[in-house]
């Protein structure tokens, strides 16, 4: 199963971005979203080191909440 996670762009250098994913900073390629006008502060969906789409903040928050709910359910058994 492949998963994609939302992250907030904190830095951009060319086609590379630093993305904050739940407090963890990762590098991601912006090559696949170069036509979407991604800028610092935007949310993107990350899969295998690539930003695959730009998200609006409401979408990102909804996905993050769903991830938290799944994690909580797993921990509670």
PDB file of N, CA and C in Angstrom:
ATOM      1  N   UNK A   1       0.845  -1.170   0.000  1.00  0.00           N
ATOM      2  CA  UNK A   1       0.000   0.000   0.000  1.00  0.00           C
ATOM      3  C   UNK A   1       0.893   1.238   0.000  1.00  0.00           C
ATOM      4  N   UNK A   2       0.561   2.189  -0.832  1.00  0.00           N
ATOM      5  CA  UNK A   2       1.318   3.443  -0.907  1.00  0.00           C
ATOM      6  C   UNK A   2       0.529   4.544  -0.215  1.00  0.00           C
ATOM      7  N   UNK A   3       1.235   5.381   0.505  1.00  0.00           N
ATOM      8  CA  UNK A   3       0.594   6.460   1.240  1.00  0.00           C
ATOM      9  C   UNK A   3       1.191   7.798   0.848  1.00  0.00           C
ATOM     10  N   UNK A   4       0.363   8.813   0.862  1.00  0.00           N
ATOM     11  CA  UNK A   4       0.820  10.180   0.649  1.00  0.00           C
ATOM     12  C   UNK A   4       0.408  10.986   1.876  1.00  0.00           C
ATOM     13  N   UNK A   5       1.266  11.894   2.292  1.00  0.00           N
ATOM     14  CA  UNK A   5       0.993  12.689   3.488  1.00  0.00           C
ATOM     15  C   UNK A   5       1.099  14.178   3.173  1.00  0.00           C
ATOM     16  N   UNK A   6       0.264  14.986   3.819  1.00  0.00           N
ATOM     17  CA  UNK A   6       0.346  16.422   3.600  1.00  0.00           C
ATOM     18  C   UNK A   6       1.465  17.047   4.425  1.00  0.00           C
ATOM     19  N   UNK A   7       2.066  18.072   3.873  1.00  0.00           N
ATOM     20  CA  UNK A   7       3.093  18.819   4.579  1.00  0.00           C
ATOM     21  C   UNK A   7       3.058  20.271   4.149  1.00  0.00           C
ATOM     22  N   UNK A   8       3.599  21.126   4.994  1.00  0.00           N
ATOM     23  CA  UNK A   8       3.615  22.567   4.712  1.00  0.00           C
ATOM     24  C   UNK A   8       5.001  22.962   4.233  1.00  0.00           C
ATOM     25  N   UNK A   9       5.054  23.674   3.121  1.00  0.00           N
ATOM     26  CA  UNK A   9       6.316  24.106   2.532  1.00  0.00           C
ATOM     27  C   UNK A   9       6.925  25.209   3.397  1.00  0.00           C
ATOM     28  N   UNK A  10       8.178  25.003   3.830  1.00  0.00           N
ATOM     29  CA  UNK A  10       8.853  25.986   4.674  1.00  0.00           C
ATOM     30  C   UNK A  10       9.997  26.694   3.960  1.00  0.00           C
ATOM     31  N   UNK A  11      10.477  26.087   2.872  1.00  0.00           N
ATOM     32  CA  UNK A  11      11.605  26.670   2.140  1.00  0.00           C
ATOM     33  C   UNK A  11      11.584  26.114   0.718  1.00  0.00           C
ATOM     34  N   UNK A  12      11.944  26.964  -0.246  1.00  0.00           N
ATOM     35  CA  UNK A  12      12.023  26.527  -1.638  1.00  0.00           C
ATOM     36  C   UNK A  12      13.353  26.968  -2.217  1.00  0.00           C
ATOM     37  N   UNK A  13      14.028  26.030  -2.878  1.00  0.00           N
ATOM     38  CA  UNK A  13      15.263  26.322  -3.609  1.00  0.00           C
ATOM     39  C   UNK A  13      15.174  25.615  -4.950  1.00  0.00           C
ATOM     40  N   UNK A  14      14.867  26.358  -5.989  1.00  0.00           N
ATOM     41  CA  UNK A  14      14.708  25.764  -7.313  1.00  0.00           C
ATOM     42  C   UNK A  14      13.521  24.823  -7.342  1.00  0.00           C
ATOM     43  N   UNK A  15      13.767  23.580  -7.722  1.00  0.00           N
ATOM     44  CA  UNK A  15      12.708  22.563  -7.800  1.00  0.00           C
ATOM     45  C   UNK A  15      12.622  21.712  -6.533  1.00  0.00           C
ATOM     46  N   UNK A  16      13.340  22.111  -5.482  1.00  0.00           N
ATOM     47  CA  UNK A  16      13.325  21.377  -4.210  1.00  0.00           C
ATOM     48  C   UNK A  16      12.660  22.234  -3.136  1.00  0.00           C
ATOM     49  N   UNK A  17      11.968  21.559  -2.238  1.00  0.00           N
ATOM     50  CA  UNK A  17      11.334  22.258  -1.125  1.00  0.00           C
ATOM     51  C   UNK A  17      11.647  21.532   0.174  1.00  0.00           C
ATOM     52  N   UNK A  18      11.701  22.294   1.249  1.00  0.00           N
ATOM     53  CA  UNK A  18      11.721  21.715   2.586  1.00  0.00           C
ATOM     54  C   UNK A  18      10.275  21.751   3.052  1.00  0.00           C
ATOM     55  N   UNK A  19       9.789  20.589   3.510  1.00  0.00           N
ATOM     56  CA  UNK A  19       8.391  20.459   3.886  1.00  0.00           C
ATOM     57  C   UNK A  19       8.298  19.967   5.326  1.00  0.00           C
ATOM     58  N   UNK A  20       7.450  20.618   6.112  1.00  0.00           N
ATOM     59  CA  UNK A  20       7.204  20.225   7.497  1.00  0.00           C
ATOM     60  C   UNK A  20       6.037  19.244   7.515  1.00  0.00           C
ATOM     61  N   UNK A  21       6.328  18.027   7.940  1.00  0.00           N
ATOM     62  CA  UNK A  21       5.310  16.983   8.036  1.00  0.00           C
ATOM     63  C   UNK A  21       5.189  16.611   9.508  1.00  0.00           C
ATOM     64  N   UNK A  22       4.238  17.198  10.187  1.00  0.00           N
ATOM     65  CA  UNK A  22       4.040  16.898  11.606  1.00  0.00           C
ATOM     66  C   UNK A  22       5.228  17.228  12.477  1.00  0.00           C
ATOM     67  N   UNK A  23       5.941  18.290  12.151  1.00  0.00           N
ATOM     68  CA  UNK A  23       7.097  18.706  12.933  1.00  0.00           C
ATOM     69  C   UNK A  23       8.415  18.128  12.448  1.00  0.00           C
ATOM     70  N   UNK A  24       8.359  17.239  11.473  1.00  0.00           N
ATOM     71  CA  UNK A  24       9.572  16.655  10.890  1.00  0.00           C
ATOM     72  C   UNK A  24       9.812  17.303   9.537  1.00  0.00           C
ATOM     73  N   UNK A  25      11.033  17.799   9.348  1.00  0.00           N
ATOM     74  CA  UNK A  25      11.373  18.457   8.080  1.00  0.00           C
ATOM     75  C   UNK A  25      11.941  17.445   7.097  1.00  0.00           C
ATOM     76  N   UNK A  26      11.393  17.459   5.879  1.00  0.00           N
ATOM     77  CA  UNK A  26      11.848  16.564   4.812  1.00  0.00           C
ATOM     78  C   UNK A  26      12.053  17.371   3.538  1.00  0.00           C
ATOM     79  N   UNK A  27      12.924  16.863   2.671  1.00  0.00           N
ATOM     80  CA  UNK A  27      13.096  17.476   1.359  1.00  0.00           C
ATOM     81  C   UNK A  27      12.144  16.794   0.383  1.00  0.00           C
ATOM     82  N   UNK A  28      11.541  17.587  -0.502  1.00  0.00           N
ATOM     83  CA  UNK A  28      10.639  17.037  -1.513  1.00  0.00           C
ATOM     84  C   UNK A  28      10.865  17.754  -2.832  1.00  0.00           C
ATOM     85  N   UNK A  29      10.718  17.018  -3.901  1.00  0.00           N
ATOM     86  CA  UNK A  29      10.829  17.593  -5.235  1.00  0.00           C
ATOM     87  C   UNK A  29       9.515  18.270  -5.611  1.00  0.00           C
ATOM     88  N   UNK A  30       9.622  19.437  -6.245  1.00  0.00           N
ATOM     89  CA  UNK A  30       8.443  20.159  -6.729  1.00  0.00           C
ATOM     90  C   UNK A  30       8.233  19.967  -8.229  1.00  0.00           C
ATOM     91  N   UNK A  31       9.008  19.081  -8.841  1.00  0.00           N
ATOM     92  CA  UNK A  31       8.939  18.882 -10.292  1.00  0.00           C
ATOM     93  C   UNK A  31       7.529  18.574 -10.785  1.00  0.00           C
ATOM     94  N   UNK A  32       6.780  17.775 -10.052  1.00  0.00           N
ATOM     95  CA  UNK A  32       5.453  17.359 -10.506  1.00  0.00           C
ATOM     96  C   UNK A  32       4.372  18.413 -10.282  1.00  0.00           C
ATOM     97  N   UNK A  33       4.685  19.456  -9.523  1.00  0.00           N
ATOM     98  CA  UNK A  33       3.694  20.507  -9.246  1.00  0.00           C
ATOM     99  C   UNK A  33       4.175  21.878  -9.724  1.00  0.00           C
ATOM    100  N   UNK A  34       5.129  21.873 -10.639  1.00  0.00           N
ATOM    101  CA  UNK A  34       5.716  23.142 -11.097  1.00  0.00           C
ATOM    102  C   UNK A  34       4.681  24.065 -11.732  1.00  0.00           C
ATOM    103  N   UNK A  35       3.573  23.517 -12.207  1.00  0.00           N
ATOM    104  CA  UNK A  35       2.522  24.325 -12.829  1.00  0.00           C
ATOM    105  C   UNK A  35       1.458  24.786 -11.834  1.00  0.00           C
ATOM    106  N   UNK A  36       1.627  24.465 -10.542  1.00  0.00           N
ATOM    107  CA  UNK A  36       0.605  24.774  -9.544  1.00  0.00           C
ATOM    108  C   UNK A  36       0.935  25.983  -8.673  1.00  0.00           C
ATOM    109  N   UNK A  37       2.041  26.650  -8.942  1.00  0.00           N
ATOM    110  CA  UNK A  37       2.378  27.870  -8.216  1.00  0.00           C
ATOM    111  C   UNK A  37       2.603  27.678  -6.728  1.00  0.00           C
ATOM    112  N   UNK A  38       3.269  26.618  -6.343  1.00  0.00           N
ATOM    113  CA  UNK A  38       3.533  26.340  -4.929  1.00  0.00           C
ATOM    114  C   UNK A  38       4.491  27.379  -4.372  1.00  0.00           C
ATOM    115  N   UNK A  39       4.145  27.906  -3.195  1.00  0.00           N
ATOM    116  CA  UNK A  39       5.007  28.888  -2.531  1.00  0.00           C
ATOM    117  C   UNK A  39       5.127  28.536  -1.051  1.00  0.00           C
ATOM    118  N   UNK A  40       6.032  29.208  -0.370  1.00  0.00           N
ATOM    119  CA  UNK A  40       6.237  28.977   1.061  1.00  0.00           C
ATOM    120  C   UNK A  40       4.919  29.211   1.799  1.00  0.00           C
ATOM    121  N   UNK A  41       4.593  28.281   2.687  1.00  0.00           N
ATOM    122  CA  UNK A  41       3.350  28.350   3.448  1.00  0.00           C
ATOM    123  C   UNK A  41       2.242  27.482   2.880  1.00  0.00           C
ATOM    124  N   UNK A  42       2.382  27.069   1.615  1.00  0.00           N
ATOM    125  CA  UNK A  42       1.385  26.197   0.994  1.00  0.00           C
ATOM    126  C   UNK A  42       1.515  24.776   1.526  1.00  0.00           C
ATOM    127  N   UNK A  43       0.433  24.036   1.428  1.00  0.00           N
ATOM    128  CA  UNK A  43       0.439  22.613   1.741  1.00  0.00           C
ATOM    129  C   UNK A  43       0.528  21.825   0.446  1.00  0.00           C
ATOM    130  N   UNK A  44       1.290  20.739   0.485  1.00  0.00           N
ATOM    131  CA  UNK A  44       1.399  19.829  -0.649  1.00  0.00           C
ATOM    132  C   UNK A  44       1.243  18.404  -0.140  1.00  0.00           C
ATOM    133  N   UNK A  45       0.811  17.528  -1.028  1.00  0.00           N
ATOM    134  CA  UNK A  45       0.708  16.116  -0.710  1.00  0.00           C
ATOM    135  C   UNK A  45       1.985  15.449  -1.179  1.00  0.00           C
ATOM    136  N   UNK A  46       2.687  14.762  -0.254  1.00  0.00           N
ATOM    137  CA  UNK A  46       4.001  14.176  -0.525  1.00  0.00           C
ATOM    138  C   UNK A  46       3.888  12.659  -0.651  1.00  0.00           C
ATOM    139  N   UNK A  47       4.508  12.135  -1.703  1.00  0.00           N
ATOM    140  CA  UNK A  47       4.585  10.683  -1.912  1.00  0.00           C
ATOM    141  C   UNK A  47       5.962  10.352  -2.464  1.00  0.00           C
ATOM    142  N   UNK A  48       6.677   9.490  -1.791  1.00  0.00           N
ATOM    143  CA  UNK A  48       8.025   9.034  -2.169  1.00  0.00           C
ATOM    144  C   UNK A  48       8.969  10.178  -2.528  1.00  0.00           C
ATOM    145  N   UNK A  49       8.906  11.257  -1.742  1.00  0.00           N
ATOM    146  CA  UNK A  49       9.835  12.362  -1.947  1.00  0.00           C
ATOM    147  C   UNK A  49       9.414  13.379  -2.986  1.00  0.00           C
ATOM    148  N   UNK A  50       8.216  13.228  -3.528  1.00  0.00           N
ATOM    149  CA  UNK A  50       7.707  14.164  -4.529  1.00  0.00           C
ATOM    150  C   UNK A  50       6.418  14.807  -4.040  1.00  0.00           C
ATOM    151  N   UNK A  51       6.292  16.110  -4.247  1.00  0.00           N
ATOM    152  CA  UNK A  51       5.013  16.771  -4.049  1.00  0.00           C
ATOM    153  C   UNK A  51       4.164  16.390  -5.261  1.00  0.00           C
ATOM    154  N   UNK A  52       2.996  15.783  -5.015  1.00  0.00           N
ATOM    155  CA  UNK A  52       2.181  15.314  -6.138  1.00  0.00           C
ATOM    156  C   UNK A  52       0.978  16.206  -6.415  1.00  0.00           C
ATOM    157  N   UNK A  53       0.619  17.052  -5.461  1.00  0.00           N
ATOM    158  CA  UNK A  53      -0.428  18.040  -5.697  1.00  0.00           C
ATOM    159  C   UNK A  53      -0.390  19.090  -4.594  1.00  0.00           C
ATOM    160  N   UNK A  54      -0.853  20.262  -4.921  1.00  0.00           N
ATOM    161  CA  UNK A  54      -0.990  21.346  -3.946  1.00  0.00           C
ATOM    162  C   UNK A  54      -2.362  21.196  -3.291  1.00  0.00           C
ATOM    163  N   UNK A  55      -2.411  21.393  -1.979  1.00  0.00           N
ATOM    164  CA  UNK A  55      -3.654  21.301  -1.221  1.00  0.00           C
ATOM    165  C   UNK A  55      -4.008  22.661  -0.652  1.00  0.00           C
ATOM    166  N   UNK A  56      -5.311  22.919  -0.492  1.00  0.00           N
ATOM    167  CA  UNK A  56      -5.643  24.112   0.278  1.00  0.00           C
ATOM    168  C   UNK A  56      -5.579  23.724   1.757  1.00  0.00           C
ATOM    169  N   UNK A  57      -5.519  24.711   2.612  1.00  0.00           N
ATOM    170  CA  UNK A  57      -5.307  24.453   4.040  1.00  0.00           C
ATOM    171  C   UNK A  57      -6.395  23.565   4.632  1.00  0.00           C
ATOM    172  N   UNK A  58      -7.648  23.774   4.232  1.00  0.00           N
ATOM    173  CA  UNK A  58      -8.750  22.967   4.773  1.00  0.00           C
ATOM    174  C   UNK A  58      -8.580  21.491   4.414  1.00  0.00           C
ATOM    175  N   UNK A  59      -8.178  21.203   3.180  1.00  0.00           N
ATOM    176  CA  UNK A  59      -7.936  19.815   2.762  1.00  0.00           C
ATOM    177  C   UNK A  59      -6.823  19.188   3.592  1.00  0.00           C
ATOM    178  N   UNK A  60      -5.741  19.939   3.762  1.00  0.00           N
ATOM    179  CA  UNK A  60      -4.596  19.425   4.515  1.00  0.00           C
ATOM    180  C   UNK A  60      -4.987  19.120   5.956  1.00  0.00           C
ATOM    181  N   UNK A  61      -5.727  20.015   6.578  1.00  0.00           N
ATOM    182  CA  UNK A  61      -6.148  19.816   7.966  1.00  0.00           C
ATOM    183  C   UNK A  61      -7.070  18.607   8.080  1.00  0.00           C
ATOM    184  N   UNK A  62      -7.961  18.443   7.116  1.00  0.00           N
ATOM    185  CA  UNK A  62      -8.870  17.292   7.118  1.00  0.00           C
ATOM    186  C   UNK A  62      -8.094  15.970   7.010  1.00  0.00           C
ATOM    187  N   UNK A  63      -7.105  15.927   6.131  1.00  0.00           N
ATOM    188  CA  UNK A  63      -6.293  14.715   5.972  1.00  0.00           C
ATOM    189  C   UNK A  63      -5.485  14.440   7.240  1.00  0.00           C
ATOM    190  N   UNK A  64      -4.874  15.486   7.813  1.00  0.00           N
ATOM    191  CA  UNK A  64      -4.091  15.308   9.038  1.00  0.00           C
ATOM    192  C   UNK A  64      -4.960  14.803  10.187  1.00  0.00           C
ATOM    193  N   UNK A  65      -6.181  15.331  10.284  1.00  0.00           N
ATOM    194  CA  UNK A  65      -7.106  14.871  11.326  1.00  0.00           C
ATOM    195  C   UNK A  65      -7.438  13.392  11.120  1.00  0.00           C
ATOM    196  N   UNK A  66      -7.675  12.991   9.887  1.00  0.00           N
ATOM    197  CA  UNK A  66      -7.977  11.582   9.603  1.00  0.00           C
ATOM    198  C   UNK A  66      -6.806  10.686   9.999  1.00  0.00           C
ATOM    199  N   UNK A  67      -5.571  11.126   9.697  1.00  0.00           N
ATOM    200  CA  UNK A  67      -4.379  10.356  10.083  1.00  0.00           C
ATOM    201  C   UNK A  67      -4.299  10.218  11.599  1.00  0.00           C
ATOM    202  N   UNK A  68      -4.580  11.309  12.318  1.00  0.00           N
ATOM    203  CA  UNK A  68      -4.541  11.253  13.788  1.00  0.00           C
ATOM    204  C   UNK A  68      -5.588  10.271  14.326  1.00  0.00           C
ATOM    205  N   UNK A  69      -6.786  10.307  13.723  1.00  0.00           N
ATOM    206  CA  UNK A  69      -7.852   9.401  14.157  1.00  0.00           C
ATOM    207  C   UNK A  69      -7.463   7.940  13.941  1.00  0.00           C
ATOM    208  N   UNK A  70      -6.851   7.644  12.807  1.00  0.00           N
ATOM    209  CA  UNK A  70      -6.404   6.277  12.513  1.00  0.00           C
ATOM    210  C   UNK A  70      -5.332   5.851  13.514  1.00  0.00           C
ATOM    211  N   UNK A  71      -4.370   6.732  13.757  1.00  0.00           N
ATOM    212  CA  UNK A  71      -3.295   6.413  14.702  1.00  0.00           C
ATOM    213  C   UNK A  71      -3.859   6.183  16.101  1.00  0.00           C
ATOM    214  N   UNK A  72      -4.798   7.018  16.502  1.00  0.00           N
ATOM    215  CA  UNK A  72      -5.412   6.876  17.831  1.00  0.00           C
ATOM    216  C   UNK A  72      -6.146   5.531  17.929  1.00  0.00           C
ATOM    217  N   UNK A  73      -6.886   5.171  16.899  1.00  0.00           N
ATOM    218  CA  UNK A  73      -7.618   3.900  16.901  1.00  0.00           C
ATOM    219  C   UNK A  73      -6.655   2.717  16.976  1.00  0.00           C
ATOM    220  N   UNK A  74      -5.536   2.813  16.275  1.00  0.00           N
ATOM    221  CA  UNK A  74      -4.529   1.742  16.314  1.00  0.00           C
ATOM    222  C   UNK A  74      -3.938   1.593  17.714  1.00  0.00           C
ATOM    223  N   UNK A  75      -3.665   2.717  18.365  1.00  0.00           N
ATOM    224  CA  UNK A  75      -3.078   2.676  19.703  1.00  0.00           C
ATOM    225  C   UNK A  75      -4.054   2.137  20.744  1.00  0.00           C
ATOM    226  N   UNK A  76      -5.333   2.444  20.544  1.00  0.00           N
ATOM    227  CA  UNK A  76      -6.346   2.013  21.508  1.00  0.00           C
ATOM    228  C   UNK A  76      -6.752   0.559  21.307  1.00  0.00           C
ATOM    229  N   UNK A  77      -6.325  -0.029  20.215  1.00  0.00           N
ATOM    230  CA  UNK A  77      -6.514  -1.450  20.026  1.00  0.00           C
ATOM    231  C   UNK A  77      -7.675  -1.841  19.234  1.00  0.00           C
TER     232      UNK A  77
END
